[in-house]
Protein backbone atom coordinates (compact mmCIF):
# COMPACT_ATOMS: atom_id res chain seq x y z
CA MET A 1 87.71 64.13 192.60
CA LYS A 2 88.38 67.59 191.20
CA LYS A 3 88.98 70.10 193.95
CA GLN A 4 86.00 72.17 195.03
CA ASN A 5 86.42 75.36 197.05
CA ASN A 6 84.87 74.11 200.31
CA THR A 7 85.56 70.38 200.12
CA PRO A 8 88.14 68.63 202.30
CA LYS A 9 91.49 67.87 200.76
CA CYS A 10 91.79 64.30 199.44
CA GLU A 11 94.81 62.04 199.66
CA SER A 12 95.30 58.73 197.92
CA GLU A 13 97.96 56.58 196.33
CA VAL A 14 98.40 55.75 192.68
CA ARG A 15 100.45 52.96 191.13
CA LEU A 16 102.78 54.03 188.31
CA ARG A 17 104.69 51.95 185.76
CA ILE A 18 107.56 53.30 183.66
CA VAL A 19 108.73 51.23 180.72
CA LEU A 20 112.08 52.07 179.11
CA VAL A 21 111.90 50.72 175.59
CA GLY A 22 115.14 49.37 174.12
CA PRO A 23 117.79 50.77 176.49
CA PRO A 24 121.45 50.17 175.57
CA PRO A 25 122.86 46.96 177.08
CA ASP A 26 124.96 46.53 180.23
CA VAL A 27 123.91 49.77 181.93
CA ASP A 28 122.30 50.03 185.39
CA PHE A 29 119.02 51.95 185.70
CA GLY A 30 117.03 52.62 188.87
CA ILE A 31 114.43 54.91 190.45
CA GLN A 32 115.83 57.73 192.59
CA GLU A 33 114.43 57.80 196.12
CA GLY A 34 115.32 60.99 197.99
CA LYS A 35 116.67 64.34 196.92
CA GLY A 36 119.98 66.10 196.30
CA ASN A 37 123.02 64.09 197.32
CA ASP A 38 120.97 62.23 199.95
CA TYR A 39 119.34 59.62 197.74
CA THR A 40 119.17 55.88 197.15
CA THR A 41 118.67 54.12 193.86
CA ILE A 42 115.91 51.54 194.16
CA GLN A 43 114.68 48.83 191.79
CA LYS A 44 118.11 48.80 190.14
CA GLN A 45 118.21 46.78 186.92
CA ARG A 46 120.96 46.10 184.40
CA SER A 47 119.77 46.45 180.82
CA LYS A 48 120.00 43.47 178.50
CA ASP A 49 118.08 42.89 175.28
CA VAL A 50 114.66 43.62 176.79
CA ASP A 51 112.67 46.66 177.91
CA LEU A 52 113.06 47.70 181.57
CA THR A 53 109.97 48.09 183.75
CA PHE A 54 109.67 49.99 187.03
CA GLU A 55 106.52 49.91 189.18
CA PHE A 56 105.96 51.96 192.30
CA THR A 57 103.36 53.93 194.24
CA VAL A 58 103.25 57.67 194.88
CA THR A 59 100.97 59.74 197.08
CA VAL A 60 98.64 62.18 195.39
CA LYS A 61 96.86 65.03 197.16
CA ASP A 62 94.24 67.53 196.17
CA THR A 63 96.21 70.56 197.44
CA ARG A 64 96.95 72.54 194.28
CA ASP A 65 95.13 75.82 193.67
CA ASP A 66 94.54 74.85 190.03
CA GLY A 67 92.76 71.62 191.04
CA LEU A 68 95.31 69.31 189.39
CA PRO A 69 96.88 66.38 191.28
CA ASN A 70 99.86 67.11 193.53
CA PHE A 71 102.29 64.17 193.58
CA LEU A 72 104.22 63.68 196.81
CA GLY A 73 106.67 61.32 198.45
CA PRO A 74 110.35 60.37 198.30
CA LEU A 75 110.14 59.30 194.63
CA THR A 76 108.74 62.60 193.33
CA HIS A 77 110.85 65.65 192.57
CA GLY A 78 110.44 69.22 191.38
CA PRO A 79 108.02 72.06 192.07
CA THR A 80 104.35 71.43 192.83
CA THR A 81 103.31 72.40 189.30
CA GLY A 82 106.04 70.37 187.59
CA ARG A 83 106.60 67.11 189.45
CA PHE A 84 108.64 64.31 187.89
CA ILE A 85 110.36 60.98 188.55
CA TYR A 86 114.13 60.52 188.20
CA ILE A 87 115.72 57.37 186.82
CA ASN A 88 119.40 57.20 187.69
CA ILE A 89 121.69 55.71 185.06
CA GLY A 90 125.19 54.19 185.19
CA LYS A 91 127.39 55.83 187.82
CA SER A 92 124.37 57.76 189.16
CA ALA A 93 122.73 54.36 189.82
CA GLY A 94 125.84 53.00 191.57
CA GLN A 95 127.46 51.30 188.56
CA PHE A 96 130.86 52.88 189.14
CA GLY A 97 132.60 51.07 186.25
CA SER A 98 130.13 52.50 183.76
CA CYS A 99 131.10 55.17 181.24
CA TRP A 100 127.61 56.68 181.70
CA GLU A 101 126.54 59.08 184.46
CA ARG A 102 123.08 60.33 183.63
CA ARG A 103 119.60 60.90 184.98
CA LEU A 104 116.33 60.62 183.13
CA LYS A 105 113.55 62.99 184.15
CA ILE A 106 110.00 61.74 183.51
CA PRO A 107 107.31 64.43 183.93
CA LEU A 108 104.10 63.53 185.75
CA GLY A 109 102.22 66.26 183.86
CA GLY A 110 99.25 65.03 181.92
CA ILE A 111 98.01 62.76 184.71
CA THR A 112 94.47 63.82 185.58
CA TRP A 113 92.15 63.05 188.48
CA GLU A 114 90.02 61.04 186.06
CA MET A 115 93.02 58.84 185.21
CA ILE A 116 93.86 58.41 188.91
CA GLU A 117 90.28 57.34 189.63
CA LYS A 118 90.45 54.74 186.83
CA ALA A 119 93.76 53.39 188.15
CA SER A 120 92.05 51.22 190.77
CA THR A 121 93.41 48.07 192.38
CA LYS A 122 93.43 46.29 189.00
CA MET A 123 94.81 49.22 187.00
CA LEU A 124 97.79 51.58 187.05
CA LEU A 125 99.19 54.51 185.08
CA GLU A 126 101.88 53.63 182.57
CA ALA A 127 104.42 55.70 180.65
CA ARG A 128 106.52 54.21 177.84
CA LEU A 129 109.58 56.09 176.68
CA PRO A 130 112.72 55.41 174.67
CA GLY A 131 115.57 53.96 176.70
CA THR A 132 118.19 54.98 174.14
CA GLY A 133 118.93 58.58 173.23
CA LYS A 134 119.91 60.11 169.89
CA ASP A 135 123.60 59.66 170.76
CA GLY A 136 123.15 55.88 171.15
CA GLY A 137 123.62 56.04 174.91
CA PRO A 138 120.93 55.92 177.59
CA SER A 139 118.18 58.52 177.28
CA CYS A 140 118.74 61.43 179.61
CA ALA A 141 117.41 64.86 180.58
CA THR A 142 113.64 65.36 180.28
CA VAL A 143 111.93 62.72 178.16
CA LYS A 144 108.16 62.80 177.85
CA PRO A 145 106.29 59.52 177.53
CA THR A 146 105.88 58.57 173.87
CA GLU A 147 102.09 58.36 174.09
CA GLY A 148 101.59 60.23 177.37
CA TRP A 149 100.45 58.53 180.56
CA ALA A 150 97.83 55.81 180.03
CA VAL A 151 95.61 53.67 182.25
CA ARG A 152 96.69 50.01 181.93
CA LYS A 153 96.03 46.67 183.64
CA ARG A 154 98.48 45.63 186.33
């Protein structure tokens, strides 16, 4: 599926799973849908003593000059060459009584066309990352997946 100079542009969807490992308890986490101040937090979950899992689909197009996947849709953010997913935390996720107001930025870099092709109807792309930061609170800022993005069973 790598882009060739005279081939038509491809569009498909890919299923992603983000697993936050060991987040601090009693904090709301959710995927940010939309940009700027005009956003909604979807798949909101309150952390307990288990990992949090988010699954969703994004559109991917073959429109980049470098041939790499271009991730599009209301769940993706950032420039074409540096797309990412936001997870809103605490007040940012609508938990107004929380002492936390953070966002977690998960880069989509490292996802290849080969991985997207393998992520068929029975597979998806998964990223696992720490849910707790060095300060003991929820992870925030840019956090790369611990082992990168990987093809996994649904």
